[in-house]
Each structure stands twice: as C-alpha cells, then as structure tokens.
Amino acid sequence: RPDAMNVEGVADSDGFVVLSRSDYPGWRYWVDGKSAPPLRAFGSFPALSIPNGPFAVRARYRPGSLDAGPALTLAVLIASALYLYNRARRSVRAF
C-alpha cells in the first residue's frame, strides 16, 4: 500500500532500519508496537533504531489534514444550518 509499510526481520545486534522513501510530515513509525521517532539517514530518509533480535517496523501515512478536513466541514455545516434557521425565524412575523 502507498500509505503503509511493514518490515520484519532479525538483527544480529542493535542497529537501524533505513526506509528508502522521503520522510514527509504525516508519516508515523512504530518499532515492535511502540511509537518511534525517526532519525535522518543520507539527508532525507527515515532511519529507525532497532533492537538486537527479532523486530517489526511499521510505518503509516496519515496527515493531519485528513482529520482536520471532516471536522472543518462539519463545523461549516452546523454554522450554515444555524444561520439559515435564525434567518428563517426572523422572516416569520407574529400577528
């Protein structure tokens, strides 16, 4: 998948896994199920520290705009509904 990456293996000693793709904002990383901040390797590639023995690295792309977009849309819809409701109430005149 273009938005996820999994790497599993066995390391002879503590070391690093370097992923061969650019590290754009929005990528999150886990090593053995724990969140892991990436280091930089060769300028712009993410490098993750791995322990001796078996390891599992997971990377997932989920930019903040993906969460902010639906929230902003919902806020605009609610504000629009309230505006139209108040406008409709003002146009009704009591006798």
C-alpha atoms as a PDB file:
ATOM      1  CA  ARG A   1       0.000   0.000   0.000  1.00  0.00           C
ATOM      2  CA  PRO A   2       1.290   3.502  -0.711  1.00  0.00           C
ATOM      3  CA  ASP A   3       0.229   4.757   2.747  1.00  0.00           C
ATOM      4  CA  ALA A   4       1.711   1.943   4.862  1.00  0.00           C
ATOM      5  CA  MET A   5       4.892  -0.092   5.148  1.00  0.00           C
ATOM      6  CA  ASN A   6       5.828  -3.125   7.262  1.00  0.00           C
ATOM      7  CA  VAL A   7       9.328  -4.530   7.745  1.00  0.00           C
ATOM      8  CA  GLU A   8      10.142  -7.602   9.824  1.00  0.00           C
ATOM      9  CA  GLY A   9      13.460  -9.284  10.438  1.00  0.00           C
ATOM     10  CA  VAL A  10      16.085 -10.468  12.867  1.00  0.00           C
ATOM     11  CA  ALA A  11      19.072  -8.278  13.776  1.00  0.00           C
ATOM     12  CA  ASP A  12      22.439  -9.683  14.941  1.00  0.00           C
ATOM     13  CA  SER A  13      22.998  -6.525  17.018  1.00  0.00           C
ATOM     14  CA  ASP A  14      21.341  -3.201  17.796  1.00  0.00           C
ATOM     15  CA  GLY A  15      21.154  -1.120  14.631  1.00  0.00           C
ATOM     16  CA  PHE A  16      18.973   0.862  12.263  1.00  0.00           C
ATOM     17  CA  VAL A  17      16.445   0.222   9.525  1.00  0.00           C
ATOM     18  CA  VAL A  18      16.574   2.853   6.786  1.00  0.00           C
ATOM     19  CA  LEU A  19      13.426   3.167   4.686  1.00  0.00           C
ATOM     20  CA  SER A  20      14.041   4.134   1.072  1.00  0.00           C
ATOM     21  CA  ARG A  21      11.432   6.859   0.694  1.00  0.00           C
ATOM     22  CA  SER A  22      11.236  10.525   1.641  1.00  0.00           C
ATOM     23  CA  ASP A  23      10.043  11.362   5.136  1.00  0.00           C
ATOM     24  CA  TYR A  24       7.106  13.715   4.585  1.00  0.00           C
ATOM     25  CA  PRO A  25       5.129  15.157   7.505  1.00  0.00           C
ATOM     26  CA  GLY A  26       2.288  12.834   8.381  1.00  0.00           C
ATOM     27  CA  TRP A  27       4.293   9.607   8.490  1.00  0.00           C
ATOM     28  CA  ARG A  28       4.218   7.805  11.845  1.00  0.00           C
ATOM     29  CA  TYR A  29       6.504   4.959  12.844  1.00  0.00           C
ATOM     30  CA  TRP A  30       6.395   2.063  15.303  1.00  0.00           C
ATOM     31  CA  VAL A  31       9.096  -0.416  16.283  1.00  0.00           C
ATOM     32  CA  ASP A  32       7.781  -3.551  17.994  1.00  0.00           C
ATOM     33  CA  GLY A  33       4.444  -1.821  18.579  1.00  0.00           C
ATOM     34  CA  LYS A  34       5.913   1.272  20.282  1.00  0.00           C
ATOM     35  CA  SER A  35       5.907   4.719  18.700  1.00  0.00           C
ATOM     36  CA  ALA A  36       9.388   5.571  17.389  1.00  0.00           C
ATOM     37  CA  PRO A  37      10.680   8.964  16.253  1.00  0.00           C
ATOM     38  CA  PRO A  38      12.689   8.664  13.048  1.00  0.00           C
ATOM     39  CA  LEU A  39      16.277   9.797  12.670  1.00  0.00           C
ATOM     40  CA  ARG A  40      17.631  11.097   9.342  1.00  0.00           C
ATOM     41  CA  ALA A  41      19.828   8.965   7.139  1.00  0.00           C
ATOM     42  CA  PHE A  42      21.523  10.148   3.944  1.00  0.00           C
ATOM     43  CA  GLY A  43      19.793  13.523   4.184  1.00  0.00           C
ATOM     44  CA  SER A  44      16.085  12.776   3.973  1.00  0.00           C
ATOM     45  CA  PHE A  45      15.432   9.080   4.536  1.00  0.00           C
ATOM     46  CA  PRO A  46      13.863   7.939   7.830  1.00  0.00           C
ATOM     47  CA  ALA A  47      16.040   5.656   9.971  1.00  0.00           C
ATOM     48  CA  LEU A  48      14.594   3.752  12.914  1.00  0.00           C
ATOM     49  CA  SER A  49      16.596   2.285  15.759  1.00  0.00           C
ATOM     50  CA  ILE A  50      16.000  -1.451  16.184  1.00  0.00           C
ATOM     51  CA  PRO A  51      16.997  -3.797  18.990  1.00  0.00           C
ATOM     52  CA  ASN A  52      19.050  -6.953  18.836  1.00  0.00           C
ATOM     53  CA  GLY A  53      16.926  -9.955  17.826  1.00  0.00           C
ATOM     54  CA  PRO A  54      13.583 -10.131  16.043  1.00  0.00           C
ATOM     55  CA  PHE A  55      11.953  -6.806  15.208  1.00  0.00           C
ATOM     56  CA  ALA A  56       8.896  -5.418  13.453  1.00  0.00           C
ATOM     57  CA  VAL A  57       8.793  -1.906  11.973  1.00  0.00           C
ATOM     58  CA  ARG A  58       5.524  -0.334  10.880  1.00  0.00           C
ATOM     59  CA  ALA A  59       5.071   2.987   9.068  1.00  0.00           C
ATOM     60  CA  ARG A  60       1.743   4.635   8.288  1.00  0.00           C
ATOM     61  CA  TYR A  61       0.927   7.858   6.453  1.00  0.00           C
ATOM     62  CA  ARG A  62      -1.930   9.878   7.942  1.00  0.00           C
ATOM     63  CA  PRO A  63      -1.547  13.641   7.549  1.00  0.00           C
ATOM     64  CA  GLY A  64      -3.264  15.978   9.991  1.00  0.00           C
ATOM     65  CA  SER A  65      -5.357  17.428   7.160  1.00  0.00           C
ATOM     66  CA  LEU A  66      -7.123  14.075   6.907  1.00  0.00           C
ATOM     67  CA  ASP A  67      -8.546  14.595  10.403  1.00  0.00           C
ATOM     68  CA  ALA A  68      -8.999  18.371  10.133  1.00  0.00           C
ATOM     69  CA  GLY A  69     -10.956  18.241   6.848  1.00  0.00           C
ATOM     70  CA  PRO A  70     -14.055  16.391   8.112  1.00  0.00           C
ATOM     71  CA  ALA A  71     -14.071  18.400  11.372  1.00  0.00           C
ATOM     72  CA  LEU A  72     -13.937  21.690   9.448  1.00  0.00           C
ATOM     73  CA  THR A  73     -16.678  20.515   7.073  1.00  0.00           C
ATOM     74  CA  LEU A  74     -18.922  19.556   9.997  1.00  0.00           C
ATOM     75  CA  ALA A  75     -18.335  22.930  11.691  1.00  0.00           C
ATOM     76  CA  VAL A  76     -19.230  24.810   8.493  1.00  0.00           C
ATOM     77  CA  LEU A  77     -22.393  22.724   8.005  1.00  0.00           C
ATOM     78  CA  ILE A  78     -23.522  23.370  11.581  1.00  0.00           C
ATOM     79  CA  ALA A  79     -22.798  27.105  11.295  1.00  0.00           C
ATOM     80  CA  SER A  80     -24.686  27.278   7.980  1.00  0.00           C
ATOM     81  CA  ALA A  81     -27.675  25.428   9.434  1.00  0.00           C
ATOM     82  CA  LEU A  82     -27.795  27.780  12.439  1.00  0.00           C
ATOM     83  CA  TYR A  83     -27.544  30.831  10.185  1.00  0.00           C
ATOM     84  CA  LEU A  84     -30.370  29.625   7.926  1.00  0.00           C
ATOM     85  CA  TYR A  85     -32.518  28.665  10.919  1.00  0.00           C
ATOM     86  CA  ASN A  86     -32.098  32.126  12.512  1.00  0.00           C
ATOM     87  CA  ARG A  87     -32.751  33.840   9.201  1.00  0.00           C
ATOM     88  CA  ALA A  88     -35.946  31.840   8.685  1.00  0.00           C
ATOM     89  CA  ARG A  89     -37.135  32.684  12.222  1.00  0.00           C
ATOM     90  CA  ARG A  90     -36.653  36.409  11.612  1.00  0.00           C
ATOM     91  CA  SER A  91     -38.670  36.351   8.406  1.00  0.00           C
ATOM     92  CA  VAL A  92     -41.737  34.843  10.190  1.00  0.00           C
ATOM     93  CA  ARG A  93     -43.818  37.675  11.656  1.00  0.00           C
ATOM     94  CA  ALA A  94     -46.155  37.240  14.563  1.00  0.00           C
ATOM     95  CA  PHE A  95     -49.691  38.663  14.215  1.00  0.00           C
END
